[in-house]
Amino acid sequence: MYMQIPMGQTIVTYKLGDVTGDGFQDLIYITADKQTDSPIFLMNIKLFVRYGRTNRTEMFRLPENAGYNPTIWLGDVTGDGINDILVVIDSGGSGAIIFAYIYSMQNGQLSNIFDSIKMNEQHPYKVLYADYYRANVFSVSPPKKYTLDLQYKGEEYLNEIYNSDGTLKQPIEGWVDPISSLNPVDLARNGKYDLLGMQQIAGRYHADGLGYVENLYHWNGRKFDIVRQTVSIYGEEIIK
């Protein structure tokens, strides 16, 4: 099986599937530069598609092209019955942030229809601690507010940031990480996938996790919309 490989690069992973809808199996693969001092860290990551009907190969330069463990998933996220291409790369930074891109056949050519970095920018958050052992998470788009009860954090944690009457000793602002997990989910079991993204809510510092924002992204024919947003929190241990 012939694969076009840039000089000095190696094939990291590949998949076979029809991503054009013409009935021919296409070859989708990723190449990258491996580093001698860190073999698992990859640079110049590129996506290639070798079209089965014409044997033509097309290369796609990814906006963020350095990281760890790039993967390919094929499935229908647009509802047209044709496989789309989901590429996910681990950034390796704190928070397990990922770079995720979807390429889909649009108007006769493969186009990038999902970019996790752009999605992060379009959906900002604010996290503010409040009096009486609470933290509020504000989502700008969609406009929503979530109130988290912090009492499960324990007396030592609360005493550091709250006065004895439950008021804050000083203002505290947390944050919501960029997307750290993106998984296709077929909720209707009809072969049409939505995307479930997860983002950690951090408090005073990154390891001070308060929970997760979970967004369900759905393709509306032009772009991905958030059709369901929830916040999940950590449970308090029950001592029996």
Protein backbone atom coordinates (compact mmCIF):
# COMPACT_ATOMS: atom_id res chain seq x y z
CA MET A 1 0.00 0.00 0.00
CA TYR A 2 1.60 3.25 -1.16
CA MET A 3 1.73 6.17 1.26
CA GLN A 4 3.17 9.59 0.53
CA ILE A 5 5.54 10.41 3.42
CA PRO A 6 7.43 13.70 3.81
CA MET A 7 11.20 13.31 4.03
CA GLY A 8 12.35 12.57 7.56
CA GLN A 9 8.87 11.79 8.85
CA THR A 10 7.26 8.55 9.96
CA ILE A 11 3.70 7.25 9.85
CA VAL A 12 2.15 7.49 13.30
CA THR A 13 -1.29 5.98 12.71
CA TYR A 14 -3.78 5.29 9.92
CA LYS A 15 -7.38 4.27 9.24
CA LEU A 16 -9.30 2.92 6.24
CA GLY A 17 -12.78 4.21 5.43
CA ASP A 18 -14.90 6.00 2.85
CA VAL A 19 -14.72 9.70 3.72
CA THR A 20 -16.00 10.99 0.36
CA GLY A 21 -19.19 8.98 -0.06
CA ASP A 22 -18.14 7.56 -3.43
CA GLY A 23 -18.12 3.96 -2.23
CA PHE A 24 -14.33 3.56 -2.36
CA GLN A 25 -12.15 2.94 0.68
CA ASP A 26 -9.88 5.90 1.41
CA LEU A 27 -6.65 5.76 3.39
CA ILE A 28 -6.35 8.33 6.18
CA TYR A 29 -3.00 8.61 7.93
CA ILE A 30 -0.87 10.89 10.09
CA THR A 31 2.85 11.56 9.76
CA ALA A 32 5.18 13.45 12.09
CA ASP A 33 8.77 14.20 13.06
CA LYS A 34 9.97 12.15 16.02
CA GLN A 35 12.40 13.81 18.43
CA THR A 36 15.57 11.92 19.35
CA ASP A 37 15.52 13.28 22.90
CA SER A 38 11.80 12.55 23.38
CA PRO A 39 10.49 9.91 20.95
CA ILE A 40 6.88 10.26 22.11
CA PHE A 41 6.78 14.03 21.48
CA LEU A 42 5.92 14.68 17.83
CA MET A 43 6.36 17.78 15.70
CA ASN A 44 5.12 18.82 12.24
CA ILE A 45 2.15 16.51 12.55
CA LYS A 46 0.35 16.25 9.19
CA LEU A 47 -2.90 14.61 8.08
CA PHE A 48 -3.02 12.82 4.71
CA VAL A 49 -5.94 11.37 2.76
CA ARG A 50 -5.29 9.01 -0.16
CA TYR A 51 -8.53 8.83 -2.12
CA GLY A 52 -9.43 5.29 -3.13
CA ARG A 53 -11.19 6.16 -6.40
CA THR A 54 -8.43 8.33 -7.88
CA ASN A 55 -5.35 7.30 -5.85
CA ARG A 56 -4.71 11.02 -5.36
CA THR A 57 -3.17 12.04 -2.01
CA GLU A 58 -4.08 15.29 -0.24
CA MET A 59 -2.21 16.75 2.72
CA PHE A 60 -3.77 18.86 5.49
CA ARG A 61 -1.65 21.05 7.75
CA LEU A 62 -3.09 21.03 11.26
CA PRO A 63 -3.32 24.42 13.06
CA GLU A 64 -1.58 22.97 16.14
CA ASN A 65 0.87 20.38 14.88
CA ALA A 66 2.98 19.37 17.89
CA GLY A 67 2.06 17.09 20.77
CA TYR A 68 1.57 13.52 21.84
CA ASN A 69 -0.41 10.48 20.74
CA PRO A 70 -2.33 11.74 17.67
CA THR A 71 -5.33 9.55 16.89
CA ILE A 72 -7.82 9.21 14.03
CA TRP A 73 -11.51 8.37 14.41
CA LEU A 74 -13.91 7.94 11.48
CA GLY A 75 -17.66 8.40 11.84
CA ASP A 76 -20.61 10.52 10.76
CA VAL A 77 -20.95 13.71 12.82
CA THR A 78 -22.75 15.78 10.17
CA GLY A 79 -25.65 13.41 9.50
CA ASP A 80 -25.02 12.99 5.76
CA GLY A 81 -24.19 9.30 6.02
CA ILE A 82 -20.51 9.85 5.16
CA ASN A 83 -17.59 9.28 7.51
CA ASP A 84 -15.95 12.42 8.88
CA ILE A 85 -12.39 12.51 10.20
CA LEU A 86 -11.69 13.39 13.85
CA VAL A 87 -8.05 14.00 14.76
CA VAL A 88 -7.12 14.42 18.43
CA ILE A 89 -3.65 15.34 19.73
CA ASP A 90 -2.62 15.51 23.40
CA SER A 91 -0.90 18.81 24.16
CA GLY A 92 1.07 17.38 27.06
CA GLY A 93 0.43 20.48 29.13
CA SER A 94 -1.27 20.77 32.50
CA GLY A 95 -4.95 19.96 32.44
CA ALA A 96 -4.57 17.30 29.74
CA ILE A 97 -5.64 19.82 27.11
CA ILE A 98 -6.16 18.46 23.60
CA PHE A 99 -6.10 19.79 20.06
CA ALA A 100 -9.04 18.37 18.10
CA TYR A 101 -10.01 18.85 14.46
CA ILE A 102 -12.76 17.45 12.27
CA TYR A 103 -12.50 17.25 8.49
CA SER A 104 -15.71 16.63 6.55
CA MET A 105 -16.71 16.40 2.89
CA GLN A 106 -18.36 19.75 2.21
CA ASN A 107 -19.28 20.87 -1.32
CA GLY A 108 -17.06 18.24 -2.89
CA GLN A 109 -13.93 18.77 -0.81
CA LEU A 110 -12.65 17.93 2.65
CA SER A 111 -12.88 20.96 4.92
CA ASN A 112 -12.06 21.67 8.56
CA ILE A 113 -15.41 22.07 10.36
CA PHE A 114 -14.27 21.76 14.00
CA ASP A 115 -11.29 23.34 15.73
CA SER A 116 -11.08 22.88 19.51
CA ILE A 117 -8.97 26.02 19.97
CA LYS A 118 -11.56 28.17 18.19
CA MET A 119 -14.33 26.45 20.14
CA ASN A 120 -12.58 27.36 23.40
CA GLU A 121 -12.35 31.00 22.30
CA GLN A 122 -16.03 31.13 21.32
CA HIS A 123 -17.25 29.75 24.65
CA PRO A 124 -15.49 31.52 27.56
CA TYR A 125 -16.22 31.05 31.28
CA LYS A 126 -15.69 32.85 34.55
CA VAL A 127 -15.33 31.21 37.97
CA LEU A 128 -15.87 33.36 41.08
CA TYR A 129 -15.86 32.25 44.70
CA ALA A 130 -18.80 33.61 46.70
CA ASP A 131 -19.72 34.00 50.36
CA TYR A 132 -21.12 31.07 52.32
CA TYR A 133 -18.89 28.36 50.86
CA ARG A 134 -19.93 28.61 47.23
CA ALA A 135 -18.36 29.11 43.83
CA ASN A 136 -20.23 30.37 40.80
CA VAL A 137 -19.39 29.21 37.29
CA PHE A 138 -20.59 31.55 34.54
CA SER A 139 -20.87 30.41 30.94
CA VAL A 140 -21.00 33.26 28.40
CA SER A 141 -22.32 31.19 25.48
CA PRO A 142 -24.77 29.68 26.24
CA PRO A 143 -25.51 32.19 29.03
CA LYS A 144 -25.79 30.07 32.17
CA LYS A 145 -24.80 30.16 35.83
CA TYR A 146 -23.92 27.19 38.01
CA THR A 147 -23.50 27.37 41.80
CA LEU A 148 -21.17 24.86 43.44
CA ASP A 149 -21.34 23.99 47.14
CA LEU A 150 -17.77 23.85 48.47
CA GLN A 151 -18.50 22.48 51.93
CA TYR A 152 -17.40 18.99 50.89
CA LYS A 153 -13.87 20.40 50.59
CA GLY A 154 -13.52 20.17 54.35
CA GLU A 155 -12.89 22.49 57.28
CA GLU A 156 -9.19 23.05 56.65
CA TYR A 157 -9.78 24.16 53.04
CA LEU A 158 -12.69 26.43 53.95
CA ASN A 159 -10.90 28.04 56.89
CA GLU A 160 -8.12 29.20 54.58
CA ILE A 161 -10.44 31.31 52.43
CA TYR A 162 -13.53 32.06 54.56
CA ASN A 163 -14.09 34.01 57.78
CA SER A 164 -15.96 32.36 60.63
CA ASP A 165 -19.21 34.01 59.48
CA GLY A 166 -18.93 32.43 56.02
CA THR A 167 -17.74 35.52 54.16
CA LEU A 168 -14.73 35.47 51.87
CA LYS A 169 -11.47 36.78 53.31
CA GLN A 170 -10.62 38.15 49.87
CA PRO A 171 -11.93 37.77 46.29
CA ILE A 172 -10.92 34.52 44.60
CA GLU A 173 -11.24 33.77 40.91
CA GLY A 174 -10.81 30.34 39.36
CA TRP A 175 -11.05 29.30 35.72
CA VAL A 176 -12.29 26.64 33.30
CA ASP A 177 -9.67 24.74 31.32
CA PRO A 178 -9.84 24.41 27.54
CA ILE A 179 -11.32 21.17 26.19
CA SER A 180 -9.44 18.21 27.65
CA SER A 181 -11.61 15.39 26.29
CA LEU A 182 -13.75 15.10 23.15
CA ASN A 183 -15.62 11.89 22.42
CA PRO A 184 -18.15 11.01 19.70
CA VAL A 185 -21.44 9.79 21.20
CA ASP A 186 -24.35 8.20 19.33
CA LEU A 187 -27.16 9.04 21.72
CA ALA A 188 -29.97 8.04 19.35
CA ARG A 189 -28.14 4.86 18.24
CA ASN A 190 -28.73 5.77 14.59
CA GLY A 191 -25.12 6.07 13.38
CA LYS A 192 -25.13 9.87 13.71
CA TYR A 193 -22.67 11.15 16.32
CA ASP A 194 -22.57 14.24 18.47
CA LEU A 195 -19.44 15.29 20.38
CA LEU A 196 -19.16 15.29 24.16
CA GLY A 197 -16.49 17.68 25.43
CA MET A 198 -15.17 17.97 28.99
CA GLN A 199 -13.37 20.91 30.64
CA GLN A 200 -12.06 20.95 34.20
CA ILE A 201 -13.14 23.71 36.59
CA ALA A 202 -10.15 24.87 38.64
CA GLY A 203 -10.26 26.83 41.89
CA ARG A 204 -7.31 28.62 43.48
CA TYR A 205 -4.79 26.54 41.49
CA HIS A 206 -5.00 23.84 38.89
CA ALA A 207 -4.90 20.86 41.23
CA ASP A 208 -7.76 22.46 43.19
CA GLY A 209 -10.39 20.89 40.94
CA LEU A 210 -14.03 21.84 41.52
CA GLY A 211 -15.64 19.68 38.83
CA TYR A 212 -16.18 19.62 35.07
CA VAL A 213 -18.16 21.51 32.46
CA GLU A 214 -19.61 19.04 29.95
CA ASN A 215 -20.83 20.27 26.56
CA LEU A 216 -22.69 18.30 23.90
CA TYR A 217 -21.85 19.68 20.43
CA HIS A 218 -24.29 19.07 17.57
CA TRP A 219 -23.80 19.88 13.87
CA ASN A 220 -26.64 22.15 12.68
CA GLY A 221 -25.75 22.01 9.00
CA ARG A 222 -23.35 24.96 9.16
CA LYS A 223 -21.49 24.71 12.46
CA PHE A 224 -21.40 22.95 15.83
CA ASP A 225 -23.78 24.27 18.49
CA ILE A 226 -23.82 23.49 22.20
CA VAL A 227 -27.19 21.79 22.61
CA ARG A 228 -26.67 20.62 26.18
CA GLN A 229 -24.41 21.99 28.90
CA THR A 230 -24.05 20.53 32.38
CA VAL A 231 -21.63 20.81 35.29
CA SER A 232 -20.54 17.73 37.19
CA ILE A 233 -19.01 17.93 40.67
CA TYR A 234 -16.92 15.61 42.78
CA GLY A 235 -18.75 13.58 45.40
CA GLU A 236 -17.99 13.71 49.11
CA GLU A 237 -16.69 10.50 50.61
CA ILE A 238 -19.18 8.88 52.97
CA ILE A 239 -17.53 7.30 55.98
CA LYS A 240 -19.38 4.17 57.05
